Amino acid sequence: KVIDSANMENLGTTFLTYNNTTGENCVVTVRTKPG
């Protein structure tokens, strides 16, 4: 589940997620418009 995020202008967003069952954190940076 997403627990935090940070936007980078109109380029995209970095997301921090957490899994309560496994105790695992995850980060992914996603572009607003792939290209």
PDB file of all heavy atoms in Angstrom:
ATOM      1  N   LYS A   1       0.851  -1.189   0.000  1.00  0.00           N
ATOM      2  CA  LYS A   1       0.000   0.000   0.000  1.00  0.00           C
ATOM      3  C   LYS A   1       0.888   1.241   0.000  1.00  0.00           C
ATOM      4  O   LYS A   1       1.907   1.295   0.701  1.00  0.00           O
ATOM      5  CB  LYS A   1      -0.892   0.049   1.245  1.00  0.00           C
ATOM      6  CG  LYS A   1      -1.769  -1.174   1.421  1.00  0.00           C
ATOM      7  CD  LYS A   1      -2.853  -1.236   0.391  1.00  0.00           C
ATOM      8  CE  LYS A   1      -3.751  -2.422   0.643  1.00  0.00           C
ATOM      9  NZ  LYS A   1      -4.257  -3.043  -0.520  1.00  0.00           N
ATOM     10  N   VAL A   2       0.524   2.258  -0.782  1.00  0.00           N
ATOM     11  CA  VAL A   2       1.282   3.513  -0.830  1.00  0.00           C
ATOM     12  C   VAL A   2       1.149   4.212   0.520  1.00  0.00           C
ATOM     13  O   VAL A   2       0.043   4.419   1.019  1.00  0.00           O
ATOM     14  CB  VAL A   2       0.768   4.433  -1.957  1.00  0.00           C
ATOM     15  CG1 VAL A   2       1.465   5.789  -1.905  1.00  0.00           C
ATOM     16  CG2 VAL A   2       0.973   3.776  -3.316  1.00  0.00           C
ATOM     17  N   ILE A   3       2.296   4.546   1.122  1.00  0.00           N
ATOM     18  CA  ILE A   3       2.283   5.262   2.398  1.00  0.00           C
ATOM     19  C   ILE A   3       2.878   6.663   2.277  1.00  0.00           C
ATOM     20  O   ILE A   3       2.726   7.473   3.180  1.00  0.00           O
ATOM     21  CB  ILE A   3       2.991   4.470   3.528  1.00  0.00           C
ATOM     22  CG1 ILE A   3       4.439   4.156   3.165  1.00  0.00           C
ATOM     23  CG2 ILE A   3       2.213   3.205   3.845  1.00  0.00           C
ATOM     24  CD1 ILE A   3       5.235   3.524   4.296  1.00  0.00           C
ATOM     25  N   ASP A   4       3.552   6.942   1.166  1.00  0.00           N
ATOM     26  CA  ASP A   4       4.104   8.276   0.949  1.00  0.00           C
ATOM     27  C   ASP A   4       4.447   8.427  -0.530  1.00  0.00           C
ATOM     28  O   ASP A   4       4.606   7.430  -1.240  1.00  0.00           O
ATOM     29  CB  ASP A   4       5.352   8.491   1.806  1.00  0.00           C
ATOM     30  CG  ASP A   4       5.531   9.936   2.233  1.00  0.00           C
ATOM     31  OD1 ASP A   4       4.884  10.835   1.635  1.00  0.00           O
ATOM     32  OD2 ASP A   4       6.320  10.182   3.163  1.00  0.00           O
ATOM     33  N   SER A   5       4.550   9.676  -0.990  1.00  0.00           N
ATOM     34  CA  SER A   5       4.931   9.929  -2.385  1.00  0.00           C
ATOM     35  C   SER A   5       5.522  11.320  -2.503  1.00  0.00           C
ATOM     36  O   SER A   5       5.307  12.173  -1.640  1.00  0.00           O
ATOM     37  CB  SER A   5       3.730   9.788  -3.321  1.00  0.00           C
ATOM     38  OG  SER A   5       2.757  10.764  -3.029  1.00  0.00           O
ATOM     39  N   ALA A   6       6.276  11.535  -3.566  1.00  0.00           N
ATOM     40  CA  ALA A   6       6.876  12.841  -3.838  1.00  0.00           C
ATOM     41  C   ALA A   6       6.834  13.085  -5.340  1.00  0.00           C
ATOM     42  O   ALA A   6       7.306  12.259  -6.126  1.00  0.00           O
ATOM     43  CB  ALA A   6       8.325  12.883  -3.348  1.00  0.00           C
ATOM     44  N   ASN A   7       6.249  14.224  -5.739  1.00  0.00           N
ATOM     45  CA  ASN A   7       6.127  14.585  -7.152  1.00  0.00           C
ATOM     46  C   ASN A   7       7.376  15.302  -7.638  1.00  0.00           C
ATOM     47  O   ASN A   7       8.019  16.022  -6.885  1.00  0.00           O
ATOM     48  CB  ASN A   7       4.918  15.495  -7.369  1.00  0.00           C
ATOM     49  CG  ASN A   7       3.634  14.805  -7.000  1.00  0.00           C
ATOM     50  OD1 ASN A   7       3.522  13.605  -7.098  1.00  0.00           O
ATOM     51  ND2 ASN A   7       2.662  15.590  -6.572  1.00  0.00           N
ATOM     52  N   MET A   8       7.670  15.136  -8.921  1.00  0.00           N
ATOM     53  CA  MET A   8       8.776  15.830  -9.568  1.00  0.00           C
ATOM     54  C   MET A   8       8.230  16.604 -10.751  1.00  0.00           C
ATOM     55  O   MET A   8       8.198  16.081 -11.877  1.00  0.00           O
ATOM     56  CB  MET A   8       9.850  14.842 -10.014  1.00  0.00           C
ATOM     57  CG  MET A   8      10.611  14.256  -8.860  1.00  0.00           C
ATOM     58  SD  MET A   8      11.613  12.866  -9.348  1.00  0.00           S
ATOM     59  CE  MET A   8      10.386  11.567  -9.325  1.00  0.00           C
ATOM     60  N   GLU A   9       7.748  17.829 -10.463  1.00  0.00           N
ATOM     61  CA  GLU A   9       7.176  18.679 -11.503  1.00  0.00           C
ATOM     62  C   GLU A   9       6.156  17.882 -12.303  1.00  0.00           C
ATOM     63  O   GLU A   9       5.375  17.150 -11.731  1.00  0.00           O
ATOM     64  CB  GLU A   9       8.286  19.239 -12.403  1.00  0.00           C
ATOM     65  CG  GLU A   9       9.221  20.186 -11.687  1.00  0.00           C
ATOM     66  CD  GLU A   9       8.618  21.522 -11.371  1.00  0.00           C
ATOM     67  OE1 GLU A   9       7.831  22.039 -12.184  1.00  0.00           O
ATOM     68  OE2 GLU A   9       8.933  22.064 -10.315  1.00  0.00           O
ATOM     69  N   ASN A  10       6.174  17.967 -13.608  1.00  0.00           N
ATOM     70  CA  ASN A  10       5.236  17.221 -14.444  1.00  0.00           C
ATOM     71  C   ASN A  10       5.847  15.923 -14.976  1.00  0.00           C
ATOM     72  O   ASN A  10       5.254  15.252 -15.798  1.00  0.00           O
ATOM     73  CB  ASN A  10       4.736  18.083 -15.611  1.00  0.00           C
ATOM     74  CG  ASN A  10       5.868  18.506 -16.531  1.00  0.00           C
ATOM     75  OD1 ASN A  10       7.045  18.369 -16.201  1.00  0.00           O
ATOM     76  ND2 ASN A  10       5.523  19.026 -17.681  1.00  0.00           N
ATOM     77  N   LEU A  11       7.037  15.559 -14.484  1.00  0.00           N
ATOM     78  CA  LEU A  11       7.723  14.379 -14.993  1.00  0.00           C
ATOM     79  C   LEU A  11       7.219  13.075 -14.391  1.00  0.00           C
ATOM     80  O   LEU A  11       7.186  12.054 -15.062  1.00  0.00           O
ATOM     81  CB  LEU A  11       9.226  14.491 -14.751  1.00  0.00           C
ATOM     82  CG  LEU A  11       9.919  15.648 -15.470  1.00  0.00           C
ATOM     83  CD1 LEU A  11      11.370  15.729 -15.058  1.00  0.00           C
ATOM     84  CD2 LEU A  11       9.778  15.490 -16.968  1.00  0.00           C
ATOM     85  N   GLY A  12       6.858  13.081 -13.113  1.00  0.00           N
ATOM     86  CA  GLY A  12       6.412  11.854 -12.475  1.00  0.00           C
ATOM     87  C   GLY A  12       6.429  11.939 -10.966  1.00  0.00           C
ATOM     88  O   GLY A  12       6.554  13.014 -10.384  1.00  0.00           O
ATOM     89  N   THR A  13       6.328  10.768 -10.337  1.00  0.00           N
ATOM     90  CA  THR A  13       6.202  10.670  -8.888  1.00  0.00           C
ATOM     91  C   THR A  13       6.981   9.462  -8.387  1.00  0.00           C
ATOM     92  O   THR A  13       6.983   8.417  -9.042  1.00  0.00           O
ATOM     93  CB  THR A  13       4.715  10.508  -8.497  1.00  0.00           C
ATOM     94  OG1 THR A  13       3.974  11.600  -9.046  1.00  0.00           O
ATOM     95  CG2 THR A  13       4.519  10.492  -6.994  1.00  0.00           C
ATOM     96  N   THR A  14       7.620   9.601  -7.233  1.00  0.00           N
ATOM     97  CA  THR A  14       8.244   8.469  -6.561  1.00  0.00           C
ATOM     98  C   THR A  14       7.311   8.045  -5.430  1.00  0.00           C
ATOM     99  O   THR A  14       6.832   8.883  -4.671  1.00  0.00           O
ATOM    100  CB  THR A  14       9.638   8.836  -6.014  1.00  0.00           C
ATOM    101  OG1 THR A  14      10.475   9.183  -7.120  1.00  0.00           O
ATOM    102  CG2 THR A  14      10.272   7.675  -5.268  1.00  0.00           C
ATOM    103  N   PHE A  15       7.056   6.730  -5.339  1.00  0.00           N
ATOM    104  CA  PHE A  15       6.140   6.186  -4.344  1.00  0.00           C
ATOM    105  C   PHE A  15       6.884   5.282  -3.367  1.00  0.00           C
ATOM    106  O   PHE A  15       7.718   4.466  -3.783  1.00  0.00           O
ATOM    107  CB  PHE A  15       5.053   5.340  -5.023  1.00  0.00           C
ATOM    108  CG  PHE A  15       4.177   6.132  -5.945  1.00  0.00           C
ATOM    109  CD1 PHE A  15       4.468   6.199  -7.303  1.00  0.00           C
ATOM    110  CD2 PHE A  15       3.068   6.811  -5.465  1.00  0.00           C
ATOM    111  CE1 PHE A  15       3.661   6.927  -8.168  1.00  0.00           C
ATOM    112  CE2 PHE A  15       2.258   7.544  -6.321  1.00  0.00           C
ATOM    113  CZ  PHE A  15       2.557   7.602  -7.671  1.00  0.00           C
ATOM    114  N   LEU A  16       6.559   5.412  -2.076  1.00  0.00           N
ATOM    115  CA  LEU A  16       7.017   4.497  -1.034  1.00  0.00           C
ATOM    116  C   LEU A  16       5.811   3.657  -0.637  1.00  0.00           C
ATOM    117  O   LEU A  16       4.753   4.209  -0.325  1.00  0.00           O
ATOM    118  CB  LEU A  16       7.538   5.266   0.182  1.00  0.00           C
ATOM    119  CG  LEU A  16       7.852   4.427   1.427  1.00  0.00           C
ATOM    120  CD1 LEU A  16       9.036   3.488   1.172  1.00  0.00           C
ATOM    121  CD2 LEU A  16       8.133   5.341   2.614  1.00  0.00           C
ATOM    122  N   THR A  17       5.974   2.337  -0.678  1.00  0.00           N
ATOM    123  CA  THR A  17       4.886   1.444  -0.269  1.00  0.00           C
ATOM    124  C   THR A  17       5.356   0.572   0.883  1.00  0.00           C
ATOM    125  O   THR A  17       6.566   0.439   1.131  1.00  0.00           O
ATOM    126  CB  THR A  17       4.406   0.536  -1.421  1.00  0.00           C
ATOM    127  OG1 THR A  17       5.422  -0.425  -1.722  1.00  0.00           O
ATOM    128  CG2 THR A  17       4.070   1.348  -2.661  1.00  0.00           C
ATOM    129  N   TYR A  18       4.390  -0.039   1.580  1.00  0.00           N
ATOM    130  CA  TYR A  18       4.704  -0.929   2.703  1.00  0.00           C
ATOM    131  C   TYR A  18       3.734  -2.099   2.686  1.00  0.00           C
ATOM    132  O   TYR A  18       2.544  -1.929   2.401  1.00  0.00           O
ATOM    133  CB  TYR A  18       4.593  -0.177   4.028  1.00  0.00           C
ATOM    134  CG  TYR A  18       5.041  -0.985   5.213  1.00  0.00           C
ATOM    135  CD1 TYR A  18       6.388  -1.231   5.426  1.00  0.00           C
ATOM    136  CD2 TYR A  18       4.114  -1.515   6.106  1.00  0.00           C
ATOM    137  CE1 TYR A  18       6.815  -1.986   6.509  1.00  0.00           C
ATOM    138  CE2 TYR A  18       4.534  -2.268   7.187  1.00  0.00           C
ATOM    139  CZ  TYR A  18       5.880  -2.505   7.389  1.00  0.00           C
ATOM    140  OH  TYR A  18       6.295  -3.254   8.460  1.00  0.00           O
ATOM    141  N   ASN A  19       4.252  -3.282   2.977  1.00  0.00           N
ATOM    142  CA  ASN A  19       3.436  -4.481   3.085  1.00  0.00           C
ATOM    143  C   ASN A  19       3.378  -4.862   4.562  1.00  0.00           C
ATOM    144  O   ASN A  19       4.391  -5.270   5.144  1.00  0.00           O
ATOM    145  CB  ASN A  19       4.042  -5.613   2.254  1.00  0.00           C
ATOM    146  CG  ASN A  19       3.191  -6.852   2.241  1.00  0.00           C
ATOM    147  OD1 ASN A  19       2.673  -7.279   3.262  1.00  0.00           O
ATOM    148  ND2 ASN A  19       3.053  -7.452   1.072  1.00  0.00           N
ATOM    149  N   ASN A  20       2.206  -4.706   5.185  1.00  0.00           N
ATOM    150  CA  ASN A  20       2.038  -5.000   6.618  1.00  0.00           C
ATOM    151  C   ASN A  20       2.319  -6.455   6.957  1.00  0.00           C
ATOM    152  O   ASN A  20       2.783  -6.755   8.051  1.00  0.00           O
ATOM    153  CB  ASN A  20       0.619  -4.641   7.075  1.00  0.00           C
ATOM    154  CG  ASN A  20       0.444  -3.157   7.261  1.00  0.00           C
ATOM    155  OD1 ASN A  20       1.355  -2.453   7.666  1.00  0.00           O
ATOM    156  ND2 ASN A  20      -0.741  -2.661   6.938  1.00  0.00           N
ATOM    157  N   THR A  21       2.044  -7.364   6.044  1.00  0.00           N
ATOM    158  CA  THR A  21       2.225  -8.791   6.308  1.00  0.00           C
ATOM    159  C   THR A  21       3.704  -9.167   6.356  1.00  0.00           C
ATOM    160  O   THR A  21       4.132  -9.916   7.234  1.00  0.00           O
ATOM    161  CB  THR A  21       1.514  -9.631   5.230  1.00  0.00           C
ATOM    162  OG1 THR A  21       0.141  -9.247   5.210  1.00  0.00           O
ATOM    163  CG2 THR A  21       1.627 -11.121   5.515  1.00  0.00           C
ATOM    164  N   THR A  22       4.483  -8.648   5.417  1.00  0.00           N
ATOM    165  CA  THR A  22       5.895  -9.042   5.312  1.00  0.00           C
ATOM    166  C   THR A  22       6.868  -8.052   5.958  1.00  0.00           C
ATOM    167  O   THR A  22       8.035  -8.376   6.141  1.00  0.00           O
ATOM    168  CB  THR A  22       6.298  -9.183   3.829  1.00  0.00           C
ATOM    169  OG1 THR A  22       6.182  -7.898   3.204  1.00  0.00           O
ATOM    170  CG2 THR A  22       5.422 -10.193   3.115  1.00  0.00           C
ATOM    171  N   GLY A  23       6.405  -6.830   6.263  1.00  0.00           N
ATOM    172  CA  GLY A  23       7.294  -5.804   6.805  1.00  0.00           C
ATOM    173  C   GLY A  23       8.218  -5.229   5.754  1.00  0.00           C
ATOM    174  O   GLY A  23       9.243  -4.626   6.051  1.00  0.00           O
ATOM    175  N   GLU A  24       7.840  -5.401   4.496  1.00  0.00           N
ATOM    176  CA  GLU A  24       8.677  -4.996   3.372  1.00  0.00           C
ATOM    177  C   GLU A  24       8.305  -3.596   2.872  1.00  0.00           C
ATOM    178  O   GLU A  24       7.139  -3.301   2.639  1.00  0.00           O
ATOM    179  CB  GLU A  24       8.480  -6.018   2.261  1.00  0.00           C
ATOM    180  CG  GLU A  24       9.390  -5.899   1.093  1.00  0.00           C
ATOM    181  CD  GLU A  24       9.159  -7.062   0.143  1.00  0.00           C
ATOM    182  OE1 GLU A  24       8.054  -7.192  -0.397  1.00  0.00           O
ATOM    183  OE2 GLU A  24      10.124  -7.832  -0.054  1.00  0.00           O
ATOM    184  N   ASN A  25       9.315  -2.741   2.719  1.00  0.00           N
ATOM    185  CA  ASN A  25       9.162  -1.426   2.101  1.00  0.00           C
ATOM    186  C   ASN A  25       9.557  -1.557   0.636  1.00  0.00           C
ATOM    187  O   ASN A  25      10.397  -2.386   0.286  1.00  0.00           O
ATOM    188  CB  ASN A  25      10.115  -0.405   2.751  1.00  0.00           C
ATOM    189  CG  ASN A  25       9.773  -0.137   4.182  1.00  0.00           C
ATOM    190  OD1 ASN A  25       8.936   0.694   4.475  1.00  0.00           O
ATOM    191  ND2 ASN A  25      10.406  -0.860   5.105  1.00  0.00           N
ATOM    192  N   CYS A  26       8.985  -0.706  -0.203  1.00  0.00           N
ATOM    193  CA  CYS A  26       9.292  -0.727  -1.629  1.00  0.00           C
ATOM    194  C   CYS A  26       9.234   0.699  -2.175  1.00  0.00           C
ATOM    195  O   CYS A  26       8.405   1.501  -1.733  1.00  0.00           O
ATOM    196  CB  CYS A  26       8.279  -1.604  -2.364  1.00  0.00           C
ATOM    197  SG  CYS A  26       8.463  -1.615  -4.168  1.00  0.00           S
ATOM    198  N   VAL A  27      10.109   1.013  -3.125  1.00  0.00           N
ATOM    199  CA  VAL A  27      10.105   2.316  -3.794  1.00  0.00           C
ATOM    200  C   VAL A  27      10.090   2.097  -5.302  1.00  0.00           C
ATOM    201  O   VAL A  27      10.811   1.241  -5.827  1.00  0.00           O
ATOM    202  CB  VAL A  27      11.333   3.164  -3.392  1.00  0.00           C
ATOM    203  CG1 VAL A  27      11.445   4.416  -4.243  1.00  0.00           C
ATOM    204  CG2 VAL A  27      11.260   3.538  -1.922  1.00  0.00           C
ATOM    205  N   VAL A  28       9.257   2.894  -5.979  1.00  0.00           N
ATOM    206  CA  VAL A  28       9.196   2.889  -7.436  1.00  0.00           C
ATOM    207  C   VAL A  28       8.996   4.327  -7.902  1.00  0.00           C
ATOM    208  O   VAL A  28       8.267   5.097  -7.271  1.00  0.00           O
ATOM    209  CB  VAL A  28       8.071   1.959  -7.963  1.00  0.00           C
ATOM    210  CG1 VAL A  28       6.711   2.395  -7.495  1.00  0.00           C
ATOM    211  CG2 VAL A  28       8.109   1.839  -9.471  1.00  0.00           C
ATOM    212  N   THR A  29       9.696   4.727  -8.960  1.00  0.00           N
ATOM    213  CA  THR A  29       9.547   6.050  -9.563  1.00  0.00           C
ATOM    214  C   THR A  29       8.835   5.870 -10.897  1.00  0.00           C
ATOM    215  O   THR A  29       9.300   5.115 -11.747  1.00  0.00           O
ATOM    216  CB  THR A  29      10.924   6.718  -9.789  1.00  0.00           C
ATOM    217  OG1 THR A  29      11.564   6.867  -8.519  1.00  0.00           O
ATOM    218  CG2 THR A  29      10.780   8.076 -10.449  1.00  0.00           C
ATOM    219  N   VAL A  30       7.684   6.557 -11.055  1.00  0.00           N
ATOM    220  CA  VAL A  30       6.822   6.376 -12.217  1.00  0.00           C
ATOM    221  C   VAL A  30       6.724   7.677 -13.009  1.00  0.00           C
ATOM    222  O   VAL A  30       6.448   8.735 -12.439  1.00  0.00           O
ATOM    223  CB  VAL A  30       5.402   5.936 -11.781  1.00  0.00           C
ATOM    224  CG1 VAL A  30       4.507   5.705 -12.991  1.00  0.00           C
ATOM    225  CG2 VAL A  30       5.472   4.693 -10.904  1.00  0.00           C
ATOM    226  N   ARG A  31       6.924   7.581 -14.328  1.00  0.00           N
ATOM    227  CA  ARG A  31       6.784   8.754 -15.194  1.00  0.00           C
ATOM    228  C   ARG A  31       5.312   9.093 -15.407  1.00  0.00           C
ATOM    229  O   ARG A  31       4.472   8.208 -15.514  1.00  0.00           O
ATOM    230  CB  ARG A  31       7.438   8.503 -16.551  1.00  0.00           C
ATOM    231  CG  ARG A  31       8.956   8.510 -16.472  1.00  0.00           C
ATOM    232  CD  ARG A  31       9.595   8.128 -17.767  1.00  0.00           C
ATOM    233  NE  ARG A  31       9.388   9.135 -18.816  1.00  0.00           N
ATOM    234  CZ  ARG A  31       9.884   9.010 -20.041  1.00  0.00           C
ATOM    235  NH1 ARG A  31      10.586   7.946 -20.376  1.00  0.00           N
ATOM    236  NH2 ARG A  31       9.668   9.964 -20.941  1.00  0.00           N
ATOM    237  N   THR A  32       4.998  10.386 -15.506  1.00  0.00           N
ATOM    238  CA  THR A  32       3.644  10.822 -15.805  1.00  0.00           C
ATOM    239  C   THR A  32       3.265  10.416 -17.217  1.00  0.00           C
ATOM    240  O   THR A  32       2.162   9.919 -17.458  1.00  0.00           O
ATOM    241  CB  THR A  32       3.523  12.350 -15.647  1.00  0.00           C
ATOM    242  OG1 THR A  32       3.901  12.687 -14.304  1.00  0.00           O
ATOM    243  CG2 THR A  32       2.115  12.835 -15.907  1.00  0.00           C
ATOM    244  N   LYS A  33       4.186  10.610 -18.168  1.00  0.00           N
ATOM    245  CA  LYS A  33       3.940  10.249 -19.565  1.00  0.00           C
ATOM    246  C   LYS A  33       5.105   9.392 -20.053  1.00  0.00           C
ATOM    247  O   LYS A  33       6.186   9.911 -20.324  1.00  0.00           O
ATOM    248  CB  LYS A  33       3.833  11.502 -20.435  1.00  0.00           C
ATOM    249  CG  LYS A  33       2.623  12.353 -20.130  1.00  0.00           C
ATOM    250  CD  LYS A  33       2.572  13.561 -21.040  1.00  0.00           C
ATOM    251  CE  LYS A  33       1.374  14.422 -20.704  1.00  0.00           C
ATOM    252  NZ  LYS A  33       1.313  15.623 -21.536  1.00  0.00           N
ATOM    253  N   PRO A  34       4.903   8.070 -20.161  1.00  0.00           N
ATOM    254  CA  PRO A  34       5.974   7.209 -20.683  1.00  0.00           C
ATOM    255  C   PRO A  34       6.383   7.647 -22.087  1.00  0.00           C
ATOM    256  O   PRO A  34       5.587   8.233 -22.822  1.00  0.00           O
ATOM    257  CB  PRO A  34       5.324   5.827 -20.715  1.00  0.00           C
ATOM    258  CG  PRO A  34       4.228   5.900 -19.699  1.00  0.00           C
ATOM    259  CD  PRO A  34       3.722   7.318 -19.774  1.00  0.00           C
ATOM    260  N   GLY A  35       7.614   7.376 -22.431  1.00  0.00           N
ATOM    261  CA  GLY A  35       8.120   7.756 -23.748  1.00  0.00           C
ATOM    262  C   GLY A  35       9.498   7.174 -23.978  1.00  0.00           C
ATOM    263  O   GLY A  35       9.820   6.114 -23.462  1.00  0.00           O
TER     264      GLY A  35
END
